[in-house]
N, C-alpha and C. Protein backbone atom coordinates (compact mmCIF):
# COMPACT_ATOMS: atom_id res chain seq x y z
N MET A 1 10.32 -14.28 34.25
CA MET A 1 9.66 -13.54 33.19
C MET A 1 10.68 -12.81 32.31
N ASN A 2 11.74 -12.26 32.92
CA ASN A 2 12.77 -11.55 32.16
C ASN A 2 13.45 -12.45 31.14
N THR A 3 13.73 -13.71 31.50
CA THR A 3 14.36 -14.62 30.54
C THR A 3 13.41 -14.93 29.40
N TYR A 4 12.11 -14.98 29.71
CA TYR A 4 11.10 -15.22 28.69
C TYR A 4 11.09 -14.08 27.69
N ILE A 5 11.12 -12.84 28.19
CA ILE A 5 11.12 -11.67 27.32
C ILE A 5 12.41 -11.62 26.50
N SER A 6 13.54 -11.98 27.11
CA SER A 6 14.82 -11.95 26.38
C SER A 6 14.83 -12.98 25.26
N LYS A 7 14.02 -14.03 25.37
CA LYS A 7 13.93 -15.00 24.28
C LYS A 7 12.98 -14.52 23.18
N ILE A 8 12.02 -13.70 23.52
CA ILE A 8 11.05 -13.19 22.55
C ILE A 8 11.65 -12.07 21.72
N LYS A 9 12.51 -11.23 22.31
CA LYS A 9 13.08 -10.09 21.59
C LYS A 9 13.76 -10.47 20.28
N PRO A 10 14.64 -11.49 20.27
CA PRO A 10 15.27 -11.85 18.98
C PRO A 10 14.24 -12.35 17.96
N ILE A 11 13.22 -13.02 18.42
CA ILE A 11 12.17 -13.49 17.50
C ILE A 11 11.46 -12.29 16.89
N PHE A 12 11.21 -11.27 17.71
CA PHE A 12 10.54 -10.08 17.21
C PHE A 12 11.43 -9.33 16.22
N VAL A 13 12.71 -9.26 16.50
CA VAL A 13 13.65 -8.59 15.58
C VAL A 13 13.68 -9.34 14.25
N ILE A 14 13.72 -10.66 14.30
CA ILE A 14 13.69 -11.46 13.07
C ILE A 14 12.39 -11.21 12.32
N TYR A 15 11.29 -11.12 13.05
CA TYR A 15 9.99 -10.84 12.43
C TYR A 15 10.02 -9.48 11.70
N ILE A 16 10.54 -8.45 12.35
CA ILE A 16 10.61 -7.12 11.72
C ILE A 16 11.49 -7.16 10.47
N VAL A 17 12.60 -7.86 10.54
CA VAL A 17 13.48 -7.99 9.37
C VAL A 17 12.73 -8.69 8.23
N LEU A 18 11.99 -9.74 8.56
CA LEU A 18 11.21 -10.46 7.53
C LEU A 18 10.13 -9.57 6.93
N VAL A 19 9.47 -8.75 7.75
CA VAL A 19 8.47 -7.82 7.22
C VAL A 19 9.14 -6.85 6.26
N PHE A 20 10.30 -6.36 6.62
CA PHE A 20 11.04 -5.46 5.73
C PHE A 20 11.37 -6.16 4.41
N ILE A 21 11.87 -7.38 4.48
CA ILE A 21 12.24 -8.12 3.27
C ILE A 21 11.02 -8.35 2.39
N ILE A 22 9.91 -8.76 3.00
CA ILE A 22 8.69 -9.07 2.25
C ILE A 22 8.11 -7.82 1.60
N THR A 23 8.11 -6.71 2.32
CA THR A 23 7.41 -5.52 1.83
C THR A 23 8.30 -4.56 1.04
N GLN A 24 9.61 -4.66 1.16
CA GLN A 24 10.47 -3.66 0.53
C GLN A 24 11.45 -4.24 -0.50
N LEU A 25 11.73 -5.51 -0.44
CA LEU A 25 12.73 -6.09 -1.33
C LEU A 25 12.06 -7.03 -2.32
N PRO A 26 12.63 -7.34 -3.43
CA PRO A 26 13.88 -6.84 -3.95
C PRO A 26 13.70 -5.45 -4.56
N VAL A 27 14.77 -4.74 -4.65
CA VAL A 27 14.75 -3.42 -5.27
C VAL A 27 15.86 -3.36 -6.31
N HIS A 28 15.67 -2.50 -7.26
CA HIS A 28 16.68 -2.22 -8.27
C HIS A 28 17.27 -0.86 -7.93
N ILE A 29 18.51 -0.84 -7.51
CA ILE A 29 19.16 0.41 -7.14
C ILE A 29 19.68 1.09 -8.41
N PRO A 30 19.14 2.27 -8.72
CA PRO A 30 19.64 2.97 -9.91
C PRO A 30 21.08 3.43 -9.70
N SER A 31 21.80 3.52 -10.79
CA SER A 31 23.21 3.92 -10.68
C SER A 31 23.35 5.38 -10.28
N HIS A 32 22.31 6.17 -10.52
CA HIS A 32 22.40 7.59 -10.20
C HIS A 32 21.00 8.09 -9.83
N ILE A 33 20.91 8.80 -8.73
CA ILE A 33 19.65 9.43 -8.33
C ILE A 33 19.87 10.93 -8.36
N ASP A 34 19.11 11.61 -9.17
CA ASP A 34 19.18 13.06 -9.26
C ASP A 34 18.19 13.64 -8.25
N PHE A 35 18.70 14.13 -7.12
CA PHE A 35 17.83 14.57 -6.03
C PHE A 35 17.07 15.85 -6.38
N VAL A 36 17.62 16.68 -7.25
CA VAL A 36 16.89 17.86 -7.71
C VAL A 36 15.67 17.41 -8.52
N GLU A 37 15.90 16.44 -9.41
CA GLU A 37 14.79 15.90 -10.21
C GLU A 37 13.77 15.20 -9.31
N LEU A 38 14.26 14.49 -8.30
CA LEU A 38 13.35 13.81 -7.36
C LEU A 38 12.48 14.82 -6.62
N ARG A 39 13.09 15.89 -6.13
CA ARG A 39 12.32 16.92 -5.42
C ARG A 39 11.26 17.53 -6.33
N GLU A 40 11.64 17.81 -7.56
CA GLU A 40 10.67 18.36 -8.51
C GLU A 40 9.56 17.36 -8.79
N ALA A 41 9.91 16.08 -8.88
CA ALA A 41 8.91 15.04 -9.15
C ALA A 41 7.92 14.92 -8.00
N ILE A 42 8.41 15.06 -6.77
CA ILE A 42 7.53 14.93 -5.62
C ILE A 42 6.54 16.08 -5.57
N PHE A 43 7.00 17.30 -5.90
CA PHE A 43 6.11 18.45 -5.85
C PHE A 43 5.28 18.63 -7.12
N ASP A 44 5.65 17.90 -8.16
CA ASP A 44 4.87 17.92 -9.40
C ASP A 44 3.99 16.67 -9.39
N LEU A 45 2.70 16.84 -9.19
CA LEU A 45 1.81 15.70 -9.01
C LEU A 45 1.73 14.79 -10.23
N THR A 46 2.20 15.25 -11.38
CA THR A 46 2.18 14.37 -12.55
C THR A 46 3.18 13.23 -12.40
N ALA A 47 4.13 13.36 -11.47
CA ALA A 47 5.09 12.29 -11.23
C ALA A 47 4.40 11.03 -10.70
N PHE A 48 3.24 11.22 -10.08
CA PHE A 48 2.51 10.09 -9.51
C PHE A 48 1.75 9.30 -10.58
N GLU A 49 1.72 9.82 -11.81
CA GLU A 49 0.98 9.14 -12.87
C GLU A 49 1.52 7.76 -13.17
N HIS A 50 2.82 7.55 -13.02
CA HIS A 50 3.39 6.24 -13.32
C HIS A 50 3.39 5.33 -12.10
N CYS A 51 2.95 5.83 -10.96
CA CYS A 51 2.91 5.03 -9.74
C CYS A 51 1.59 4.25 -9.65
N MET A 52 1.68 3.08 -9.03
CA MET A 52 0.48 2.30 -8.79
C MET A 52 0.08 2.52 -7.33
N TYR A 53 -1.10 3.10 -7.14
CA TYR A 53 -1.55 3.37 -5.78
C TYR A 53 -3.06 3.35 -5.72
N ASN A 54 -3.56 3.14 -4.52
CA ASN A 54 -4.99 3.19 -4.25
C ASN A 54 -5.15 3.83 -2.88
N PHE A 55 -5.74 5.00 -2.84
CA PHE A 55 -5.99 5.69 -1.57
C PHE A 55 -7.46 5.64 -1.18
N VAL A 56 -8.27 4.89 -1.93
CA VAL A 56 -9.70 4.77 -1.65
C VAL A 56 -9.97 3.38 -1.07
N PRO A 57 -10.41 3.30 0.18
CA PRO A 57 -10.67 1.97 0.78
C PRO A 57 -11.67 1.17 -0.03
N LEU A 58 -11.33 -0.09 -0.25
CA LEU A 58 -12.18 -1.05 -0.96
C LEU A 58 -12.61 -0.56 -2.35
N ALA A 59 -11.73 0.15 -3.02
CA ALA A 59 -12.05 0.71 -4.34
C ALA A 59 -12.30 -0.36 -5.38
N ASN A 60 -11.70 -1.52 -5.21
CA ASN A 60 -11.83 -2.57 -6.22
C ASN A 60 -13.00 -3.50 -5.96
N ILE A 61 -13.84 -3.18 -5.02
CA ILE A 61 -14.96 -4.06 -4.69
C ILE A 61 -15.93 -4.18 -5.87
N ASP A 62 -16.08 -3.12 -6.67
CA ASP A 62 -16.98 -3.19 -7.82
C ASP A 62 -16.42 -4.12 -8.90
N VAL A 63 -15.10 -4.13 -9.08
CA VAL A 63 -14.47 -5.05 -10.03
C VAL A 63 -14.67 -6.48 -9.55
N PHE A 64 -14.50 -6.69 -8.26
CA PHE A 64 -14.72 -8.01 -7.67
C PHE A 64 -16.16 -8.46 -7.89
N ALA A 65 -17.11 -7.59 -7.65
CA ALA A 65 -18.53 -7.92 -7.84
C ALA A 65 -18.82 -8.24 -9.30
N ASP A 66 -18.26 -7.47 -10.22
CA ASP A 66 -18.46 -7.75 -11.65
C ASP A 66 -17.88 -9.11 -12.03
N ASN A 67 -16.69 -9.39 -11.52
CA ASN A 67 -16.06 -10.68 -11.82
C ASN A 67 -16.89 -11.84 -11.28
N LEU A 68 -17.46 -11.66 -10.10
CA LEU A 68 -18.34 -12.70 -9.55
C LEU A 68 -19.59 -12.85 -10.41
N TYR A 69 -20.15 -11.74 -10.83
CA TYR A 69 -21.38 -11.76 -11.62
C TYR A 69 -21.17 -12.50 -12.95
N TYR A 70 -20.02 -12.28 -13.56
CA TYR A 70 -19.75 -12.87 -14.87
C TYR A 70 -19.00 -14.19 -14.80
N ALA A 71 -18.80 -14.73 -13.62
CA ALA A 71 -18.12 -16.02 -13.49
C ALA A 71 -18.95 -17.10 -14.19
N ARG A 72 -18.27 -17.92 -14.97
CA ARG A 72 -18.97 -18.93 -15.77
C ARG A 72 -19.43 -20.12 -14.96
N ASP A 73 -18.67 -20.47 -13.94
CA ASP A 73 -19.03 -21.65 -13.15
C ASP A 73 -18.46 -21.49 -11.75
N PHE A 74 -18.69 -22.50 -10.93
CA PHE A 74 -18.27 -22.43 -9.53
C PHE A 74 -16.75 -22.29 -9.40
N GLN A 75 -16.02 -22.94 -10.28
CA GLN A 75 -14.56 -22.86 -10.24
C GLN A 75 -14.09 -21.41 -10.45
N HIS A 76 -14.74 -20.70 -11.35
CA HIS A 76 -14.38 -19.29 -11.57
C HIS A 76 -14.78 -18.42 -10.38
N VAL A 77 -15.86 -18.76 -9.72
CA VAL A 77 -16.25 -18.03 -8.50
C VAL A 77 -15.18 -18.20 -7.44
N ILE A 78 -14.73 -19.43 -7.23
CA ILE A 78 -13.69 -19.71 -6.24
C ILE A 78 -12.39 -18.98 -6.62
N ALA A 79 -12.02 -19.01 -7.88
CA ALA A 79 -10.80 -18.33 -8.33
C ALA A 79 -10.91 -16.83 -8.12
N THR A 80 -12.07 -16.27 -8.39
CA THR A 80 -12.28 -14.83 -8.21
C THR A 80 -12.16 -14.45 -6.75
N VAL A 81 -12.81 -15.20 -5.88
CA VAL A 81 -12.75 -14.93 -4.43
C VAL A 81 -11.32 -15.08 -3.94
N TYR A 82 -10.65 -16.14 -4.37
CA TYR A 82 -9.27 -16.39 -3.95
C TYR A 82 -8.36 -15.24 -4.38
N ASN A 83 -8.43 -14.85 -5.64
CA ASN A 83 -7.56 -13.78 -6.14
C ASN A 83 -7.82 -12.44 -5.46
N TYR A 84 -9.07 -12.17 -5.16
CA TYR A 84 -9.39 -10.88 -4.54
C TYR A 84 -8.93 -10.82 -3.08
N PHE A 85 -9.12 -11.89 -2.34
CA PHE A 85 -8.83 -11.86 -0.91
C PHE A 85 -7.45 -12.37 -0.53
N ARG A 86 -6.71 -12.95 -1.47
CA ARG A 86 -5.39 -13.50 -1.16
C ARG A 86 -4.46 -12.43 -0.56
N GLY A 87 -4.34 -11.30 -1.23
CA GLY A 87 -3.46 -10.24 -0.74
C GLY A 87 -3.94 -9.67 0.58
N PHE A 88 -5.25 -9.50 0.72
CA PHE A 88 -5.81 -8.95 1.95
C PHE A 88 -5.51 -9.88 3.12
N VAL A 89 -5.74 -11.17 2.92
CA VAL A 89 -5.50 -12.15 3.98
C VAL A 89 -4.01 -12.23 4.30
N CYS A 90 -3.16 -12.19 3.28
CA CYS A 90 -1.71 -12.23 3.53
C CYS A 90 -1.26 -11.03 4.35
N ASN A 91 -1.84 -9.86 4.10
CA ASN A 91 -1.49 -8.67 4.88
C ASN A 91 -1.98 -8.79 6.32
N ILE A 92 -3.12 -9.42 6.53
CA ILE A 92 -3.59 -9.67 7.90
C ILE A 92 -2.61 -10.59 8.62
N VAL A 93 -2.27 -11.70 7.98
CA VAL A 93 -1.36 -12.69 8.58
C VAL A 93 0.01 -12.07 8.86
N LEU A 94 0.47 -11.18 7.98
CA LEU A 94 1.78 -10.54 8.14
C LEU A 94 1.89 -9.77 9.45
N PHE A 95 0.80 -9.19 9.94
CA PHE A 95 0.86 -8.35 11.13
C PHE A 95 0.38 -9.04 12.41
N ILE A 96 -0.11 -10.26 12.33
CA ILE A 96 -0.52 -10.98 13.55
C ILE A 96 0.64 -11.12 14.53
N PRO A 97 1.85 -11.49 14.08
CA PRO A 97 2.95 -11.60 15.05
C PRO A 97 3.24 -10.29 15.79
N MET A 98 3.07 -9.16 15.12
CA MET A 98 3.30 -7.88 15.81
C MET A 98 2.33 -7.74 16.99
N GLY A 99 1.06 -8.00 16.74
CA GLY A 99 0.06 -7.86 17.79
C GLY A 99 0.22 -8.87 18.90
N PHE A 100 0.84 -10.00 18.59
CA PHE A 100 1.03 -11.03 19.60
C PHE A 100 2.33 -10.85 20.38
N LEU A 101 3.42 -10.57 19.69
CA LEU A 101 4.74 -10.52 20.33
C LEU A 101 5.04 -9.20 21.04
N LEU A 102 4.67 -8.09 20.44
CA LEU A 102 5.03 -6.79 21.00
C LEU A 102 4.50 -6.56 22.42
N PRO A 103 3.25 -6.95 22.74
CA PRO A 103 2.79 -6.77 24.12
C PRO A 103 3.59 -7.58 25.15
N ILE A 104 4.19 -8.67 24.71
CA ILE A 104 5.03 -9.46 25.61
C ILE A 104 6.29 -8.68 25.95
N ILE A 105 6.85 -8.00 24.95
CA ILE A 105 8.10 -7.26 25.13
C ILE A 105 7.86 -5.90 25.79
N ILE A 106 6.85 -5.18 25.31
CA ILE A 106 6.54 -3.84 25.82
C ILE A 106 5.07 -3.84 26.24
N GLY A 107 4.85 -3.87 27.53
CA GLY A 107 3.51 -4.03 28.09
C GLY A 107 2.48 -3.00 27.65
N LYS A 108 2.92 -1.79 27.34
CA LYS A 108 1.94 -0.75 26.98
C LYS A 108 1.22 -1.07 25.67
N TYR A 109 1.79 -1.97 24.86
CA TYR A 109 1.13 -2.34 23.61
C TYR A 109 0.11 -3.46 23.80
N SER A 110 -0.17 -3.79 25.05
CA SER A 110 -1.27 -4.73 25.31
C SER A 110 -2.60 -3.98 25.33
N ARG A 111 -2.54 -2.65 25.26
CA ARG A 111 -3.78 -1.85 25.15
C ARG A 111 -4.12 -1.68 23.68
N CYS A 112 -5.37 -1.85 23.37
CA CYS A 112 -5.85 -1.84 21.98
C CYS A 112 -5.49 -0.52 21.28
N LYS A 113 -5.69 0.60 21.97
CA LYS A 113 -5.43 1.91 21.37
C LYS A 113 -3.96 2.04 20.96
N ASN A 114 -3.06 1.61 21.82
CA ASN A 114 -1.63 1.71 21.51
C ASN A 114 -1.25 0.82 20.32
N MET A 115 -1.79 -0.39 20.29
CA MET A 115 -1.50 -1.30 19.19
C MET A 115 -2.09 -0.76 17.89
N LEU A 116 -3.27 -0.19 17.97
CA LEU A 116 -3.91 0.39 16.79
C LEU A 116 -3.05 1.51 16.21
N ILE A 117 -2.60 2.41 17.05
CA ILE A 117 -1.79 3.54 16.59
C ILE A 117 -0.46 3.06 16.02
N LEU A 118 0.21 2.17 16.73
CA LEU A 118 1.53 1.69 16.26
C LEU A 118 1.40 0.93 14.94
N SER A 119 0.45 0.02 14.86
CA SER A 119 0.31 -0.76 13.63
C SER A 119 -0.11 0.13 12.46
N LEU A 120 -0.93 1.12 12.73
CA LEU A 120 -1.33 2.07 11.70
C LEU A 120 -0.12 2.85 11.18
N LEU A 121 0.67 3.38 12.09
CA LEU A 121 1.86 4.15 11.69
C LEU A 121 2.89 3.28 10.98
N PHE A 122 3.10 2.07 11.49
CA PHE A 122 4.07 1.15 10.88
C PHE A 122 3.63 0.77 9.47
N SER A 123 2.35 0.48 9.31
CA SER A 123 1.83 0.10 8.01
C SER A 123 1.86 1.27 7.02
N ILE A 124 1.49 2.45 7.48
CA ILE A 124 1.57 3.63 6.62
C ILE A 124 3.02 3.88 6.21
N GLY A 125 3.96 3.65 7.12
CA GLY A 125 5.38 3.78 6.80
C GLY A 125 5.81 2.82 5.69
N ILE A 126 5.33 1.59 5.77
CA ILE A 126 5.64 0.60 4.73
C ILE A 126 5.09 1.06 3.38
N GLU A 127 3.83 1.47 3.38
CA GLU A 127 3.21 1.90 2.13
C GLU A 127 3.88 3.16 1.58
N PHE A 128 4.28 4.07 2.45
CA PHE A 128 4.97 5.29 2.02
C PHE A 128 6.31 4.93 1.38
N MET A 129 7.03 4.00 1.99
CA MET A 129 8.32 3.59 1.42
C MET A 129 8.12 2.94 0.05
N GLN A 130 7.04 2.19 -0.12
CA GLN A 130 6.76 1.60 -1.42
C GLN A 130 6.47 2.68 -2.47
N LEU A 131 5.77 3.72 -2.06
CA LEU A 131 5.49 4.83 -2.97
C LEU A 131 6.79 5.57 -3.33
N VAL A 132 7.64 5.80 -2.35
CA VAL A 132 8.93 6.45 -2.61
C VAL A 132 9.77 5.60 -3.57
N GLN A 133 9.75 4.29 -3.37
CA GLN A 133 10.50 3.41 -4.28
C GLN A 133 9.98 3.52 -5.70
N GLN A 134 8.67 3.66 -5.86
CA GLN A 134 8.12 3.83 -7.20
C GLN A 134 8.55 5.17 -7.80
N LEU A 135 8.50 6.24 -6.99
CA LEU A 135 8.91 7.56 -7.48
C LEU A 135 10.37 7.58 -7.89
N LEU A 136 11.21 6.84 -7.16
CA LEU A 136 12.64 6.78 -7.47
C LEU A 136 12.95 5.83 -8.63
N GLY A 137 11.95 5.06 -9.05
CA GLY A 137 12.18 4.08 -10.10
C GLY A 137 12.87 2.84 -9.61
N ILE A 138 12.86 2.63 -8.30
CA ILE A 138 13.51 1.45 -7.72
C ILE A 138 12.63 0.22 -7.92
N THR A 139 11.33 0.38 -7.81
CA THR A 139 10.40 -0.72 -8.07
C THR A 139 9.31 -0.23 -9.00
N SER A 140 8.74 -1.17 -9.71
CA SER A 140 7.60 -0.83 -10.56
C SER A 140 6.46 -1.81 -10.32
N TRP A 141 6.68 -2.77 -9.44
CA TRP A 141 5.66 -3.81 -9.23
C TRP A 141 4.94 -3.66 -7.89
N ARG A 142 5.37 -2.76 -7.06
CA ARG A 142 4.70 -2.55 -5.78
C ARG A 142 3.48 -1.66 -5.98
N VAL A 143 2.48 -1.87 -5.15
CA VAL A 143 1.28 -1.04 -5.17
C VAL A 143 1.10 -0.45 -3.78
N THR A 144 1.01 0.85 -3.69
CA THR A 144 0.71 1.52 -2.43
C THR A 144 -0.80 1.51 -2.29
N ASP A 145 -1.29 0.81 -1.25
CA ASP A 145 -2.73 0.54 -1.18
C ASP A 145 -3.24 0.73 0.24
N ILE A 146 -4.28 1.54 0.38
CA ILE A 146 -4.91 1.76 1.69
C ILE A 146 -5.52 0.47 2.23
N ASP A 147 -5.93 -0.43 1.33
CA ASP A 147 -6.47 -1.71 1.78
C ASP A 147 -5.42 -2.54 2.51
N ASP A 148 -4.15 -2.40 2.12
CA ASP A 148 -3.07 -3.07 2.84
C ASP A 148 -2.95 -2.54 4.26
N VAL A 149 -3.08 -1.23 4.41
CA VAL A 149 -3.02 -0.61 5.74
C VAL A 149 -4.16 -1.15 6.61
N ILE A 150 -5.35 -1.21 6.05
CA ILE A 150 -6.51 -1.71 6.79
C ILE A 150 -6.27 -3.16 7.21
N ALA A 151 -5.79 -3.99 6.28
CA ALA A 151 -5.55 -5.40 6.58
C ALA A 151 -4.45 -5.56 7.63
N ASN A 152 -3.39 -4.75 7.54
CA ASN A 152 -2.30 -4.84 8.51
C ASN A 152 -2.78 -4.50 9.92
N VAL A 153 -3.59 -3.47 10.04
CA VAL A 153 -4.11 -3.08 11.35
C VAL A 153 -5.03 -4.18 11.90
N ILE A 154 -5.86 -4.75 11.04
CA ILE A 154 -6.71 -5.87 11.47
C ILE A 154 -5.84 -7.02 11.97
N GLY A 155 -4.76 -7.31 11.26
CA GLY A 155 -3.86 -8.38 11.66
C GLY A 155 -3.22 -8.13 13.02
N ALA A 156 -2.74 -6.91 13.24
CA ALA A 156 -2.12 -6.58 14.52
C ALA A 156 -3.14 -6.68 15.66
N LEU A 157 -4.35 -6.20 15.42
CA LEU A 157 -5.39 -6.28 16.46
C LEU A 157 -5.82 -7.73 16.69
N LEU A 158 -5.81 -8.53 15.65
CA LEU A 158 -6.10 -9.96 15.80
C LEU A 158 -5.01 -10.64 16.62
N GLY A 159 -3.76 -10.29 16.35
CA GLY A 159 -2.64 -10.82 17.15
C GLY A 159 -2.76 -10.42 18.60
N LEU A 160 -3.17 -9.18 18.86
CA LEU A 160 -3.39 -8.71 20.23
C LEU A 160 -4.52 -9.49 20.89
N PHE A 161 -5.57 -9.77 20.13
CA PHE A 161 -6.67 -10.59 20.66
C PHE A 161 -6.15 -11.97 21.07
N PHE A 162 -5.33 -12.59 20.22
CA PHE A 162 -4.75 -13.90 20.56
C PHE A 162 -3.89 -13.80 21.81
N TYR A 163 -3.10 -12.75 21.91
CA TYR A 163 -2.26 -12.53 23.09
C TYR A 163 -3.12 -12.46 24.35
N LYS A 164 -4.16 -11.67 24.30
CA LYS A 164 -5.02 -11.51 25.48
C LYS A 164 -5.79 -12.79 25.78
N TYR A 165 -6.27 -13.47 24.74
CA TYR A 165 -7.03 -14.70 24.92
C TYR A 165 -6.16 -15.79 25.54
N LEU A 166 -4.95 -15.95 25.02
CA LEU A 166 -4.04 -16.97 25.57
C LEU A 166 -3.58 -16.59 26.97
N GLY A 167 -3.41 -15.28 27.22
CA GLY A 167 -3.03 -14.83 28.55
C GLY A 167 -4.11 -15.13 29.58
N GLU A 168 -5.36 -14.91 29.20
CA GLU A 168 -6.48 -15.22 30.10
C GLU A 168 -6.58 -16.71 30.35
N ARG A 169 -6.37 -17.51 29.31
CA ARG A 169 -6.44 -18.98 29.47
C ARG A 169 -5.35 -19.49 30.38
N SER A 170 -4.12 -18.94 30.21
CA SER A 170 -3.03 -19.40 31.06
C SER A 170 -3.22 -18.97 32.50
N THR A 171 -3.84 -17.81 32.72
CA THR A 171 -4.14 -17.33 34.07
C THR A 171 -5.17 -18.25 34.73
N LYS A 172 -6.18 -18.65 33.99
CA LYS A 172 -7.21 -19.53 34.53
C LYS A 172 -6.64 -20.89 34.88
N LYS A 173 -5.69 -21.41 34.07
CA LYS A 173 -5.10 -22.72 34.33
C LYS A 173 -4.25 -22.72 35.59
N THR A 174 -3.59 -21.58 35.89
CA THR A 174 -2.74 -21.52 37.07
C THR A 174 -3.52 -21.31 38.36
N GLN A 175 -4.79 -20.94 38.25
CA GLN A 175 -5.58 -20.69 39.46
C GLN A 175 -6.13 -21.95 40.03
């Protein structure tokens, strides 16, 4: 079992690096960061006016419903559904490996509560870093979105479900 875990650890590290690359890069590093100005911007809520963020779960559902209502034909309905759920589904898929691989490496994450807390904190950390990047002017195309956090947690819990389901199946086969 130890050799199995030692083979999974590098895969998990590669996965974490890929998550970082996907969620944080590319960035434009400014030639100069004025930390006094940054501190003032953080405490002055008007600094958030140029940031793209959504802290209201499913806030865009009304826009989605309107787009569906005004769709001219079936092709537009499919395009509307695809465009609305593409990002949500991608965020779910992004966190499935976490829910599947981490319990193999660290057994305490095979409990739903532990995976829920870790994936929630990890996802909030990603979104926070995206917000900081916007405040610093490093990125302008990222959106800090609570829906991403929800999708990431769903993905991690789905990965945990797969881990437990496959574990139960392999146990039954060996009996």
